[in-house]
Amino acid sequence: MGGLDFGAAVNAQAIIDHASMFDFIDGGGLDVAVLGMAQCDASGNINVSRFSGRRVGCGGFVDISQRSKKVVFVGAFAAGGLMVSVEEGRLAIVREGRHPKFIAVIDEITFRGRVAAAEEREILYVTERCVFRLGERGLELAEVAPGIDIERDILARLPFPLVVGEVRPMEPAIFRPAPMGLRTQLLDIRIEDRISYNADTNTVFLNYAGMHVRTEEDLGRIKDAVDRTLEPLGRRVHSIVNYDSFVADPDILDKYADLVKYVEERYYISVSRYATSGFLRLKLGAELRKRRLSSHVFETRREARRHLGAT
């Protein structure tokens, strides 16, 4: 809730005392944080705490934005009178806002982009017309809404040069009146989208973050996708596996560990796994040790990469 009721909640599932809540946040308990943005610069720095010399403060913004594994900043491309329309699945800018949010120099840094980039955290900046991603060089254009002209509606309205990477369309369903089917999309394993192979380093990346394995059918889909990716290579590979927020139901965990054994013994030269959850690291590590596999699960992606480079 906002205004004088800020901090209150309606239909809360849990009520936690203030100190415990910040222990949870500062301890890295948040997988994803979705926050607003008032000003943003080319480096991905965000200001939400000071405007025109008036300091409004940051509250818990710093704690949340610095400790969450992934942060999504959301806001209009420009404030103050922006009008858009959507027709036949295409977005049109009817009237531009008077106050750009993407500016050369922000009034104050409440979130520092370079620190997050150095930590290799995923940071997104979502507007009505496009999505930026934080890269090593700052903001990168990642997605564009259907109907938007990149040069006219984005680049020409930025006061700084922009890295334009591999730009893809924003999800078309956002701009259509029909239901998006988010429940199916979010609960689907979609394993095909979670595997990528880098031929230069002969490394396969398995992104199991947020994946929930419930049934033997789920295991079969994982096995089939891994086989389709690695079998045609005709050689063993290095592997990095992201287990952040991964869940395997207790009655399927044993069979999942057997699948890990199959994949490691058949395809891997070396493997490096990581997960921020201490409980998951202990539980998964114990199952891997029982099968005499590489059992150490690192806490961060950086540690996992460093270990893989040393093997």
C-alpha atoms as a PDB file:
ATOM      1  CA  MET A   1       0.000   0.000   0.000  1.00  0.00           C
ATOM      2  CA  GLY A   2       1.121   3.560  -0.577  1.00  0.00           C
ATOM      3  CA  GLY A   3       0.830   7.034   0.878  1.00  0.00           C
ATOM      4  CA  LEU A   4       0.373   7.174   4.636  1.00  0.00           C
ATOM      5  CA  ASP A   5      -0.402   3.434   4.584  1.00  0.00           C
ATOM      6  CA  PHE A   6       2.997   2.551   3.105  1.00  0.00           C
ATOM      7  CA  GLY A   7       4.290  -0.694   4.578  1.00  0.00           C
ATOM      8  CA  ALA A   8       0.869  -2.189   5.237  1.00  0.00           C
ATOM      9  CA  ALA A   9      -0.302  -5.243   3.294  1.00  0.00           C
ATOM     10  CA  VAL A  10      -3.715  -6.597   2.292  1.00  0.00           C
ATOM     11  CA  ASN A  11      -4.366 -10.363   2.443  1.00  0.00           C
ATOM     12  CA  ALA A  12      -0.793 -11.086   3.505  1.00  0.00           C
ATOM     13  CA  GLN A  13       0.309 -14.727   3.476  1.00  0.00           C
ATOM     14  CA  ALA A  14       2.817 -14.057   6.275  1.00  0.00           C
ATOM     15  CA  ILE A  15       3.679 -11.206   8.622  1.00  0.00           C
ATOM     16  CA  ILE A  16       7.361 -10.973   9.598  1.00  0.00           C
ATOM     17  CA  ASP A  17       8.964  -8.563  12.038  1.00  0.00           C
ATOM     18  CA  HIS A  18      11.099  -5.825  10.510  1.00  0.00           C
ATOM     19  CA  ALA A  19      14.500  -7.080  11.676  1.00  0.00           C
ATOM     20  CA  SER A  20      13.869 -10.632  10.494  1.00  0.00           C
ATOM     21  CA  MET A  21      12.691  -9.385   7.118  1.00  0.00           C
ATOM     22  CA  PHE A  22      15.931  -7.487   6.551  1.00  0.00           C
ATOM     23  CA  ASP A  23      17.969 -10.471   7.746  1.00  0.00           C
ATOM     24  CA  PHE A  24      16.226 -12.466   5.013  1.00  0.00           C
ATOM     25  CA  ILE A  25      16.855  -9.786   2.358  1.00  0.00           C
ATOM     26  CA  ASP A  26      20.478  -9.069   3.337  1.00  0.00           C
ATOM     27  CA  GLY A  27      21.173 -12.796   3.517  1.00  0.00           C
ATOM     28  CA  GLY A  28      20.336 -13.206  -0.165  1.00  0.00           C
ATOM     29  CA  GLY A  29      16.899 -14.728   0.338  1.00  0.00           C
ATOM     30  CA  LEU A  30      15.280 -12.950  -2.618  1.00  0.00           C
ATOM     31  CA  ASP A  31      15.499 -14.679  -5.990  1.00  0.00           C
ATOM     32  CA  VAL A  32      13.962 -11.794  -7.946  1.00  0.00           C
ATOM     33  CA  ALA A  33      13.146  -8.197  -7.022  1.00  0.00           C
ATOM     34  CA  VAL A  34      10.917  -5.959  -9.165  1.00  0.00           C
ATOM     35  CA  LEU A  35      11.503  -2.286  -8.395  1.00  0.00           C
ATOM     36  CA  GLY A  36      10.626   1.094  -9.849  1.00  0.00           C
ATOM     37  CA  MET A  37      13.068   3.532 -11.424  1.00  0.00           C
ATOM     38  CA  ALA A  38      12.987   7.315 -11.574  1.00  0.00           C
ATOM     39  CA  GLN A  39      16.285   7.992 -13.388  1.00  0.00           C
ATOM     40  CA  CYS A  40      18.747   5.730 -15.192  1.00  0.00           C
ATOM     41  CA  ASP A  41      22.067   6.451 -16.941  1.00  0.00           C
ATOM     42  CA  ALA A  42      24.187   4.653 -19.535  1.00  0.00           C
ATOM     43  CA  SER A  43      25.998   2.592 -16.885  1.00  0.00           C
ATOM     44  CA  GLY A  44      22.729   1.193 -15.540  1.00  0.00           C
ATOM     45  CA  ASN A  45      22.856   3.306 -12.374  1.00  0.00           C
ATOM     46  CA  ILE A  46      19.432   4.036 -10.863  1.00  0.00           C
ATOM     47  CA  ASN A  47      18.192   6.975  -8.830  1.00  0.00           C
ATOM     48  CA  VAL A  48      15.060   6.709  -6.698  1.00  0.00           C
ATOM     49  CA  SER A  49      16.175   8.796  -3.711  1.00  0.00           C
ATOM     50  CA  ARG A  50      16.846  12.400  -4.774  1.00  0.00           C
ATOM     51  CA  PHE A  51      15.089  14.709  -7.236  1.00  0.00           C
ATOM     52  CA  SER A  52      15.855  18.375  -8.003  1.00  0.00           C
ATOM     53  CA  GLY A  53      17.790  18.734  -4.760  1.00  0.00           C
ATOM     54  CA  ARG A  54      14.978  17.214  -2.678  1.00  0.00           C
ATOM     55  CA  ARG A  55      16.043  14.087  -0.856  1.00  0.00           C
ATOM     56  CA  VAL A  56      13.265  11.540  -0.383  1.00  0.00           C
ATOM     57  CA  GLY A  57      15.484   8.686   0.851  1.00  0.00           C
ATOM     58  CA  CYS A  58      15.901   5.124  -0.326  1.00  0.00           C
ATOM     59  CA  GLY A  59      14.265   3.042   2.423  1.00  0.00           C
ATOM     60  CA  GLY A  60      15.037  -0.639   1.858  1.00  0.00           C
ATOM     61  CA  PHE A  61      15.745  -0.110  -1.859  1.00  0.00           C
ATOM     62  CA  VAL A  62      19.518  -0.491  -1.433  1.00  0.00           C
ATOM     63  CA  ASP A  63      19.219  -3.713   0.603  1.00  0.00           C
ATOM     64  CA  ILE A  64      16.787  -5.269  -1.859  1.00  0.00           C
ATOM     65  CA  SER A  65      18.527  -4.206  -5.075  1.00  0.00           C
ATOM     66  CA  GLN A  66      22.036  -5.143  -3.932  1.00  0.00           C
ATOM     67  CA  ARG A  67      21.247  -8.565  -2.458  1.00  0.00           C
ATOM     68  CA  SER A  68      18.621  -9.987  -4.837  1.00  0.00           C
ATOM     69  CA  LYS A  69      19.948 -12.533  -7.320  1.00  0.00           C
ATOM     70  CA  LYS A  70      18.021 -10.882 -10.160  1.00  0.00           C
ATOM     71  CA  VAL A  71      16.603  -7.355 -10.310  1.00  0.00           C
ATOM     72  CA  VAL A  72      14.001  -6.036 -12.737  1.00  0.00           C
ATOM     73  CA  PHE A  73      13.613  -2.247 -12.812  1.00  0.00           C
ATOM     74  CA  VAL A  74      10.257  -1.214 -14.288  1.00  0.00           C
ATOM     75  CA  GLY A  75       9.082   2.181 -15.456  1.00  0.00           C
ATOM     76  CA  ALA A  76       7.868   4.259 -18.376  1.00  0.00           C
ATOM     77  CA  PHE A  77      10.486   5.378 -20.906  1.00  0.00           C
ATOM     78  CA  ALA A  78       9.468   8.962 -20.069  1.00  0.00           C
ATOM     79  CA  ALA A  79       7.139  10.343 -17.407  1.00  0.00           C
ATOM     80  CA  GLY A  80       4.688  13.220 -17.490  1.00  0.00           C
ATOM     81  CA  GLY A  81       2.020  12.834 -20.140  1.00  0.00           C
ATOM     82  CA  LEU A  82       3.213   9.736 -21.984  1.00  0.00           C
ATOM     83  CA  MET A  83       0.395   8.214 -24.030  1.00  0.00           C
ATOM     84  CA  VAL A  84       0.575   4.929 -25.924  1.00  0.00           C
ATOM     85  CA  SER A  85      -1.917   2.824 -27.832  1.00  0.00           C
ATOM     86  CA  VAL A  86      -2.015  -0.847 -28.774  1.00  0.00           C
ATOM     87  CA  GLU A  87      -3.776  -1.968 -31.940  1.00  0.00           C
ATOM     88  CA  GLU A  88      -3.590  -5.378 -33.591  1.00  0.00           C
ATOM     89  CA  GLY A  89      -0.709  -6.389 -31.355  1.00  0.00           C
ATOM     90  CA  ARG A  90       1.454  -3.353 -32.137  1.00  0.00           C
ATOM     91  CA  LEU A  91       2.462  -0.526 -29.806  1.00  0.00           C
ATOM     92  CA  ALA A  92       2.340   3.107 -30.941  1.00  0.00           C
ATOM     93  CA  ILE A  93       3.640   6.182 -29.101  1.00  0.00           C
ATOM     94  CA  VAL A  94       0.782   8.682 -29.276  1.00  0.00           C
ATOM     95  CA  ARG A  95       2.489  11.342 -27.155  1.00  0.00           C
ATOM     96  CA  GLU A  96       5.934  11.327 -25.584  1.00  0.00           C
ATOM     97  CA  GLY A  97       6.416  12.068 -21.898  1.00  0.00           C
ATOM     98  CA  ARG A  98       7.888  15.411 -20.868  1.00  0.00           C
ATOM     99  CA  HIS A  99      10.420  13.996 -18.397  1.00  0.00           C
ATOM    100  CA  PRO A 100      12.882  11.411 -19.773  1.00  0.00           C
ATOM    101  CA  LYS A 101      13.908   8.714 -17.305  1.00  0.00           C
ATOM    102  CA  PHE A 102      17.057   7.764 -19.206  1.00  0.00           C
ATOM    103  CA  ILE A 103      19.440  10.695 -18.818  1.00  0.00           C
ATOM    104  CA  ALA A 104      23.171  11.410 -19.074  1.00  0.00           C
ATOM    105  CA  VAL A 105      23.751  12.217 -15.373  1.00  0.00           C
ATOM    106  CA  ILE A 106      21.367  11.102 -12.638  1.00  0.00           C
ATOM    107  CA  ASP A 107      20.832  13.178  -9.487  1.00  0.00           C
ATOM    108  CA  GLU A 108      21.997  10.465  -7.111  1.00  0.00           C
ATOM    109  CA  ILE A 109      23.124   6.833  -7.368  1.00  0.00           C
ATOM    110  CA  THR A 110      20.827   4.564  -5.356  1.00  0.00           C
ATOM    111  CA  PHE A 111      21.817   1.453  -7.341  1.00  0.00           C
ATOM    112  CA  ARG A 112      25.249   1.135  -8.972  1.00  0.00           C
ATOM    113  CA  GLY A 113      25.242  -0.782 -12.219  1.00  0.00           C
ATOM    114  CA  ARG A 114      28.974  -1.477 -12.440  1.00  0.00           C
ATOM    115  CA  VAL A 115      28.971  -3.302  -9.104  1.00  0.00           C
ATOM    116  CA  ALA A 116      26.108  -5.542 -10.228  1.00  0.00           C
ATOM    117  CA  ALA A 117      27.791  -6.163 -13.600  1.00  0.00           C
ATOM    118  CA  ALA A 118      31.040  -7.160 -11.889  1.00  0.00           C
ATOM    119  CA  GLU A 119      29.050  -9.625  -9.767  1.00  0.00           C
ATOM    120  CA  GLU A 120      27.494 -11.023 -12.979  1.00  0.00           C
ATOM    121  CA  ARG A 121      23.972 -10.561 -11.664  1.00  0.00           C
ATOM    122  CA  GLU A 122      21.060 -10.426 -14.101  1.00  0.00           C
ATOM    123  CA  ILE A 123      19.657  -6.883 -14.216  1.00  0.00           C
ATOM    124  CA  LEU A 124      16.822  -5.845 -16.537  1.00  0.00           C
ATOM    125  CA  TYR A 125      15.235  -2.457 -17.239  1.00  0.00           C
ATOM    126  CA  VAL A 126      11.696  -2.860 -18.588  1.00  0.00           C
ATOM    127  CA  THR A 127       9.720  -0.058 -20.252  1.00  0.00           C
ATOM    128  CA  GLU A 128       6.580   0.000 -22.332  1.00  0.00           C
ATOM    129  CA  ARG A 129       8.559   0.060 -25.592  1.00  0.00           C
ATOM    130  CA  CYS A 130      11.743  -1.900 -24.920  1.00  0.00           C
ATOM    131  CA  VAL A 131      13.835  -3.896 -22.474  1.00  0.00           C
ATOM    132  CA  PHE A 132      17.445  -3.116 -21.603  1.00  0.00           C
ATOM    133  CA  ARG A 133      19.889  -5.584 -20.082  1.00  0.00           C
ATOM    134  CA  LEU A 134      22.927  -4.692 -17.963  1.00  0.00           C
ATOM    135  CA  GLY A 135      26.153  -5.814 -19.619  1.00  0.00           C
ATOM    136  CA  GLU A 136      29.845  -5.246 -19.037  1.00  0.00           C
ATOM    137  CA  ARG A 137      29.685  -1.912 -20.902  1.00  0.00           C
ATOM    138  CA  GLY A 138      26.423  -0.723 -19.362  1.00  0.00           C
ATOM    139  CA  LEU A 139      22.939  -0.710 -20.832  1.00  0.00           C
ATOM    140  CA  GLU A 140      22.315  -2.995 -23.799  1.00  0.00           C
ATOM    141  CA  LEU A 141      19.144  -3.004 -25.877  1.00  0.00           C
ATOM    142  CA  ALA A 142      17.728  -6.528 -25.627  1.00  0.00           C
ATOM    143  CA  GLU A 143      14.041  -6.447 -26.648  1.00  0.00           C
ATOM    144  CA  VAL A 144      11.763  -4.106 -28.573  1.00  0.00           C
ATOM    145  CA  ALA A 145       7.974  -3.954 -28.608  1.00  0.00           C
ATOM    146  CA  PRO A 146       6.228  -4.724 -31.915  1.00  0.00           C
ATOM    147  CA  GLY A 147       5.510  -1.483 -33.774  1.00  0.00           C
ATOM    148  CA  ILE A 148       8.424   0.415 -32.224  1.00  0.00           C
ATOM    149  CA  ASP A 149      11.115   1.893 -34.477  1.00  0.00           C
ATOM    150  CA  ILE A 150      14.497   1.469 -32.750  1.00  0.00           C
ATOM    151  CA  GLU A 151      16.097   4.564 -34.240  1.00  0.00           C
ATOM    152  CA  ARG A 152      13.115   6.926 -33.899  1.00  0.00           C
ATOM    153  CA  ASP A 153      11.527   5.765 -30.651  1.00  0.00           C
ATOM    154  CA  ILE A 154      14.596   4.663 -28.672  1.00  0.00           C
ATOM    155  CA  LEU A 155      18.064   5.679 -29.891  1.00  0.00           C
ATOM    156  CA  ALA A 156      17.074   9.206 -30.926  1.00  0.00           C
ATOM    157  CA  ARG A 157      15.594   9.815 -27.467  1.00  0.00           C
ATOM    158  CA  LEU A 158      18.646   8.748 -25.465  1.00  0.00           C
ATOM    159  CA  PRO A 159      21.353  11.273 -24.506  1.00  0.00           C
ATOM    160  CA  PHE A 160      24.071   8.616 -24.600  1.00  0.00           C
ATOM    161  CA  PRO A 161      25.303   5.963 -27.043  1.00  0.00           C
ATOM    162  CA  LEU A 162      23.683   2.585 -26.533  1.00  0.00           C
ATOM    163  CA  VAL A 163      25.024  -0.904 -27.017  1.00  0.00           C
ATOM    164  CA  VAL A 164      22.654  -2.671 -29.402  1.00  0.00           C
ATOM    165  CA  GLY A 165      23.154  -6.405 -29.094  1.00  0.00           C
ATOM    166  CA  GLU A 166      21.045  -9.232 -30.433  1.00  0.00           C
ATOM    167  CA  VAL A 167      17.639  -7.552 -30.221  1.00  0.00           C
ATOM    168  CA  ARG A 168      14.542  -9.715 -30.171  1.00  0.00           C
ATOM    169  CA  PRO A 169      10.816  -8.830 -30.000  1.00  0.00           C
ATOM    170  CA  MET A 170       9.174  -8.418 -26.618  1.00  0.00           C
ATOM    171  CA  GLU A 171       6.719 -11.219 -25.847  1.00  0.00           C
ATOM    172  CA  PRO A 172       3.891 -10.666 -28.390  1.00  0.00           C
ATOM    173  CA  ALA A 173       1.229 -11.882 -25.928  1.00  0.00           C
ATOM    174  CA  ILE A 174       1.797  -8.751 -23.827  1.00  0.00           C
ATOM    175  CA  PHE A 175       0.213  -6.656 -26.564  1.00  0.00           C
ATOM    176  CA  ARG A 176      -2.776  -8.871 -27.239  1.00  0.00           C
ATOM    177  CA  PRO A 177      -6.070  -8.979 -25.309  1.00  0.00           C
ATOM    178  CA  ALA A 178      -6.161 -12.786 -24.991  1.00  0.00           C
ATOM    179  CA  PRO A 179      -4.935 -14.464 -21.767  1.00  0.00           C
ATOM    180  CA  MET A 180      -1.166 -14.984 -21.789  1.00  0.00           C
ATOM    181  CA  GLY A 181      -1.181 -18.461 -20.255  1.00  0.00           C
ATOM    182  CA  LEU A 182       1.481 -17.506 -17.721  1.00  0.00           C
ATOM    183  CA  ARG A 183       0.676 -20.372 -15.364  1.00  0.00           C
ATOM    184  CA  THR A 184       1.580 -22.953 -18.002  1.00  0.00           C
ATOM    185  CA  GLN A 185       4.709 -21.055 -19.072  1.00  0.00           C
ATOM    186  CA  LEU A 186       6.025 -20.548 -15.545  1.00  0.00           C
ATOM    187  CA  LEU A 187       5.395 -24.108 -14.397  1.00  0.00           C
ATOM    188  CA  ASP A 188       6.699 -25.744 -17.567  1.00  0.00           C
ATOM    189  CA  ILE A 189      10.250 -27.083 -17.324  1.00  0.00           C
ATOM    190  CA  ARG A 190      10.992 -25.854 -20.896  1.00  0.00           C
ATOM    191  CA  ILE A 191      14.306 -27.671 -20.738  1.00  0.00           C
ATOM    192  CA  GLU A 192      15.130 -26.872 -24.365  1.00  0.00           C
ATOM    193  CA  ASP A 193      15.502 -23.195 -23.408  1.00  0.00           C
ATOM    194  CA  ARG A 194      17.820 -24.063 -20.514  1.00  0.00           C
ATOM    195  CA  ILE A 195      20.709 -25.693 -22.373  1.00  0.00           C
ATOM    196  CA  SER A 196      23.387 -23.855 -24.351  1.00  0.00           C
ATOM    197  CA  TYR A 197      26.740 -24.958 -25.742  1.00  0.00           C
ATOM    198  CA  ASN A 198      29.842 -22.817 -26.328  1.00  0.00           C
ATOM    199  CA  ALA A 199      32.008 -24.484 -28.967  1.00  0.00           C
ATOM    200  CA  ASP A 200      34.972 -22.139 -28.335  1.00  0.00           C
ATOM    201  CA  THR A 201      35.357 -23.365 -24.756  1.00  0.00           C
ATOM    202  CA  ASN A 202      33.698 -26.758 -25.291  1.00  0.00           C
ATOM    203  CA  THR A 203      31.388 -25.942 -22.371  1.00  0.00           C
ATOM    204  CA  VAL A 204      27.713 -26.693 -21.917  1.00  0.00           C
ATOM    205  CA  PHE A 205      25.665 -24.420 -19.639  1.00  0.00           C
ATOM    206  CA  LEU A 206      22.657 -25.980 -17.909  1.00  0.00           C
ATOM    207  CA  ASN A 207      20.365 -23.361 -16.410  1.00  0.00           C
ATOM    208  CA  TYR A 208      18.203 -25.225 -13.890  1.00  0.00           C
ATOM    209  CA  ALA A 209      17.394 -22.059 -11.901  1.00  0.00           C
ATOM    210  CA  GLY A 210      13.829 -22.127 -10.577  1.00  0.00           C
ATOM    211  CA  MET A 211      13.135 -25.520 -12.142  1.00  0.00           C
ATOM    212  CA  HIS A 212      10.802 -27.876 -10.251  1.00  0.00           C
ATOM    213  CA  VAL A 213      11.168 -31.592 -11.025  1.00  0.00           C
ATOM    214  CA  ARG A 214       8.066 -33.491  -9.962  1.00  0.00           C
ATOM    215  CA  THR A 215       7.685 -36.646 -12.030  1.00  0.00           C
ATOM    216  CA  GLU A 216       9.543 -39.274 -14.028  1.00  0.00           C
ATOM    217  CA  GLU A 217       8.150 -37.594 -17.144  1.00  0.00           C
ATOM    218  CA  ASP A 218      10.074 -34.458 -16.124  1.00  0.00           C
ATOM    219  CA  LEU A 219      13.229 -36.557 -15.823  1.00  0.00           C
ATOM    220  CA  GLY A 220      12.606 -38.023 -19.262  1.00  0.00           C
ATOM    221  CA  ARG A 221      12.321 -34.561 -20.832  1.00  0.00           C
ATOM    222  CA  ILE A 222      15.577 -33.488 -19.209  1.00  0.00           C
ATOM    223  CA  LYS A 223      17.418 -36.606 -20.370  1.00  0.00           C
ATOM    224  CA  ASP A 224      16.092 -36.353 -23.927  1.00  0.00           C
ATOM    225  CA  ALA A 225      17.081 -32.673 -24.217  1.00  0.00           C
ATOM    226  CA  VAL A 226      20.601 -33.289 -22.866  1.00  0.00           C
ATOM    227  CA  ASP A 227      21.062 -36.262 -25.201  1.00  0.00           C
ATOM    228  CA  ARG A 228      19.883 -34.234 -28.205  1.00  0.00           C
ATOM    229  CA  THR A 229      22.370 -31.482 -27.392  1.00  0.00           C
ATOM    230  CA  LEU A 230      25.458 -33.485 -26.425  1.00  0.00           C
ATOM    231  CA  GLU A 231      25.249 -36.789 -28.295  1.00  0.00           C
ATOM    232  CA  PRO A 232      25.788 -35.214 -31.768  1.00  0.00           C
ATOM    233  CA  LEU A 233      28.982 -33.464 -30.567  1.00  0.00           C
ATOM    234  CA  GLY A 234      30.824 -36.753 -30.455  1.00  0.00           C
ATOM    235  CA  ARG A 235      33.101 -35.636 -27.640  1.00  0.00           C
ATOM    236  CA  ARG A 236      33.028 -34.959 -23.910  1.00  0.00           C
ATOM    237  CA  VAL A 237      32.444 -31.430 -22.635  1.00  0.00           C
ATOM    238  CA  HIS A 238      32.974 -29.214 -19.618  1.00  0.00           C
ATOM    239  CA  SER A 239      29.767 -28.221 -17.824  1.00  0.00           C
ATOM    240  CA  ILE A 240      28.457 -25.464 -15.560  1.00  0.00           C
ATOM    241  CA  VAL A 241      25.086 -26.070 -13.875  1.00  0.00           C
ATOM    242  CA  ASN A 242      23.005 -23.353 -12.200  1.00  0.00           C
ATOM    243  CA  TYR A 243      20.888 -24.820  -9.363  1.00  0.00           C
ATOM    244  CA  ASP A 244      19.564 -21.551  -7.905  1.00  0.00           C
ATOM    245  CA  SER A 245      16.067 -22.190  -6.483  1.00  0.00           C
ATOM    246  CA  PHE A 246      16.033 -25.670  -8.026  1.00  0.00           C
ATOM    247  CA  VAL A 247      13.568 -28.127  -6.470  1.00  0.00           C
ATOM    248  CA  ALA A 248      13.276 -31.880  -6.889  1.00  0.00           C
ATOM    249  CA  ASP A 249      10.387 -33.448  -4.951  1.00  0.00           C
ATOM    250  CA  PRO A 250      11.581 -35.889  -2.243  1.00  0.00           C
ATOM    251  CA  ASP A 251      10.103 -38.948  -3.952  1.00  0.00           C
ATOM    252  CA  ILE A 252      11.916 -38.135  -7.222  1.00  0.00           C
ATOM    253  CA  LEU A 253      15.260 -36.844  -5.877  1.00  0.00           C
ATOM    254  CA  ASP A 254      16.894 -40.280  -5.851  1.00  0.00           C
ATOM    255  CA  LYS A 255      16.047 -40.893  -9.508  1.00  0.00           C
ATOM    256  CA  TYR A 256      17.116 -37.356 -10.393  1.00  0.00           C
ATOM    257  CA  ALA A 257      20.538 -38.026  -8.843  1.00  0.00           C
ATOM    258  CA  ASP A 258      20.748 -41.217 -10.935  1.00  0.00           C
ATOM    259  CA  LEU A 259      20.100 -39.093 -14.026  1.00  0.00           C
ATOM    260  CA  VAL A 260      22.909 -36.735 -12.990  1.00  0.00           C
ATOM    261  CA  LYS A 261      25.194 -39.774 -12.700  1.00  0.00           C
ATOM    262  CA  TYR A 262      24.232 -40.902 -16.207  1.00  0.00           C
ATOM    263  CA  VAL A 263      24.925 -37.477 -17.726  1.00  0.00           C
ATOM    264  CA  GLU A 264      28.214 -36.905 -15.897  1.00  0.00           C
ATOM    265  CA  GLU A 265      29.665 -40.329 -16.686  1.00  0.00           C
ATOM    266  CA  ARG A 266      28.578 -40.247 -20.331  1.00  0.00           C
ATOM    267  CA  TYR A 267      29.285 -36.669 -21.379  1.00  0.00           C
ATOM    268  CA  TYR A 268      31.455 -34.653 -18.977  1.00  0.00           C
ATOM    269  CA  ILE A 269      35.176 -33.962 -18.796  1.00  0.00           C
ATOM    270  CA  SER A 270      34.526 -31.834 -15.721  1.00  0.00           C
ATOM    271  CA  VAL A 271      31.516 -30.211 -14.091  1.00  0.00           C
ATOM    272  CA  SER A 272      31.000 -27.264 -11.773  1.00  0.00           C
ATOM    273  CA  ARG A 273      27.679 -26.665 -10.019  1.00  0.00           C
ATOM    274  CA  TYR A 274      26.419 -23.722  -7.962  1.00  0.00           C
ATOM    275  CA  ALA A 275      23.428 -22.748  -5.812  1.00  0.00           C
ATOM    276  CA  THR A 276      22.933 -19.949  -3.296  1.00  0.00           C
ATOM    277  CA  SER A 277      20.810 -22.153  -1.023  1.00  0.00           C
ATOM    278  CA  GLY A 278      22.972 -23.778   1.646  1.00  0.00           C
ATOM    279  CA  PHE A 279      20.307 -26.435   2.248  1.00  0.00           C
ATOM    280  CA  LEU A 280      20.221 -27.412  -1.431  1.00  0.00           C
ATOM    281  CA  ARG A 281      24.029 -27.540  -1.589  1.00  0.00           C
ATOM    282  CA  LEU A 282      24.118 -29.974   1.339  1.00  0.00           C
ATOM    283  CA  LYS A 283      21.239 -32.141   0.105  1.00  0.00           C
ATOM    284  CA  LEU A 284      22.383 -32.350  -3.514  1.00  0.00           C
ATOM    285  CA  GLY A 285      26.017 -32.782  -2.509  1.00  0.00           C
ATOM    286  CA  ALA A 286      25.114 -35.727  -0.292  1.00  0.00           C
ATOM    287  CA  GLU A 287      23.244 -37.469  -3.121  1.00  0.00           C
ATOM    288  CA  LEU A 288      26.161 -36.936  -5.507  1.00  0.00           C
ATOM    289  CA  ARG A 289      28.706 -38.242  -2.990  1.00  0.00           C
ATOM    290  CA  LYS A 290      26.703 -41.437  -2.590  1.00  0.00           C
ATOM    291  CA  ARG A 291      27.152 -41.989  -6.318  1.00  0.00           C
ATOM    292  CA  ARG A 292      30.859 -41.051  -6.257  1.00  0.00           C
ATOM    293  CA  LEU A 293      30.322 -38.037  -8.499  1.00  0.00           C
ATOM    294  CA  SER A 294      31.694 -34.493  -8.411  1.00  0.00           C
ATOM    295  CA  SER A 295      29.836 -33.468  -5.285  1.00  0.00           C
ATOM    296  CA  HIS A 296      30.942 -29.944  -4.389  1.00  0.00           C
ATOM    297  CA  VAL A 297      28.250 -27.339  -5.118  1.00  0.00           C
ATOM    298  CA  PHE A 298      29.586 -23.791  -5.088  1.00  0.00           C
ATOM    299  CA  GLU A 299      27.713 -20.798  -3.738  1.00  0.00           C
ATOM    300  CA  THR A 300      28.167 -18.432  -6.698  1.00  0.00           C
ATOM    301  CA  ARG A 301      28.496 -18.582 -10.463  1.00  0.00           C
ATOM    302  CA  ARG A 302      31.888 -16.877 -10.225  1.00  0.00           C
ATOM    303  CA  GLU A 303      33.246 -19.600  -7.924  1.00  0.00           C
ATOM    304  CA  ALA A 304      31.896 -22.307 -10.223  1.00  0.00           C
ATOM    305  CA  ARG A 305      33.544 -20.737 -13.276  1.00  0.00           C
ATOM    306  CA  ARG A 306      36.822 -20.286 -11.446  1.00  0.00           C
ATOM    307  CA  HIS A 307      36.803 -23.945 -10.408  1.00  0.00           C
ATOM    308  CA  LEU A 308      36.048 -25.099 -13.947  1.00  0.00           C
ATOM    309  CA  GLY A 309      38.934 -23.020 -15.292  1.00  0.00           C
ATOM    310  CA  ALA A 310      41.311 -24.611 -12.799  1.00  0.00           C
ATOM    311  CA  THR A 311      40.444 -28.201 -13.718  1.00  0.00           C
END
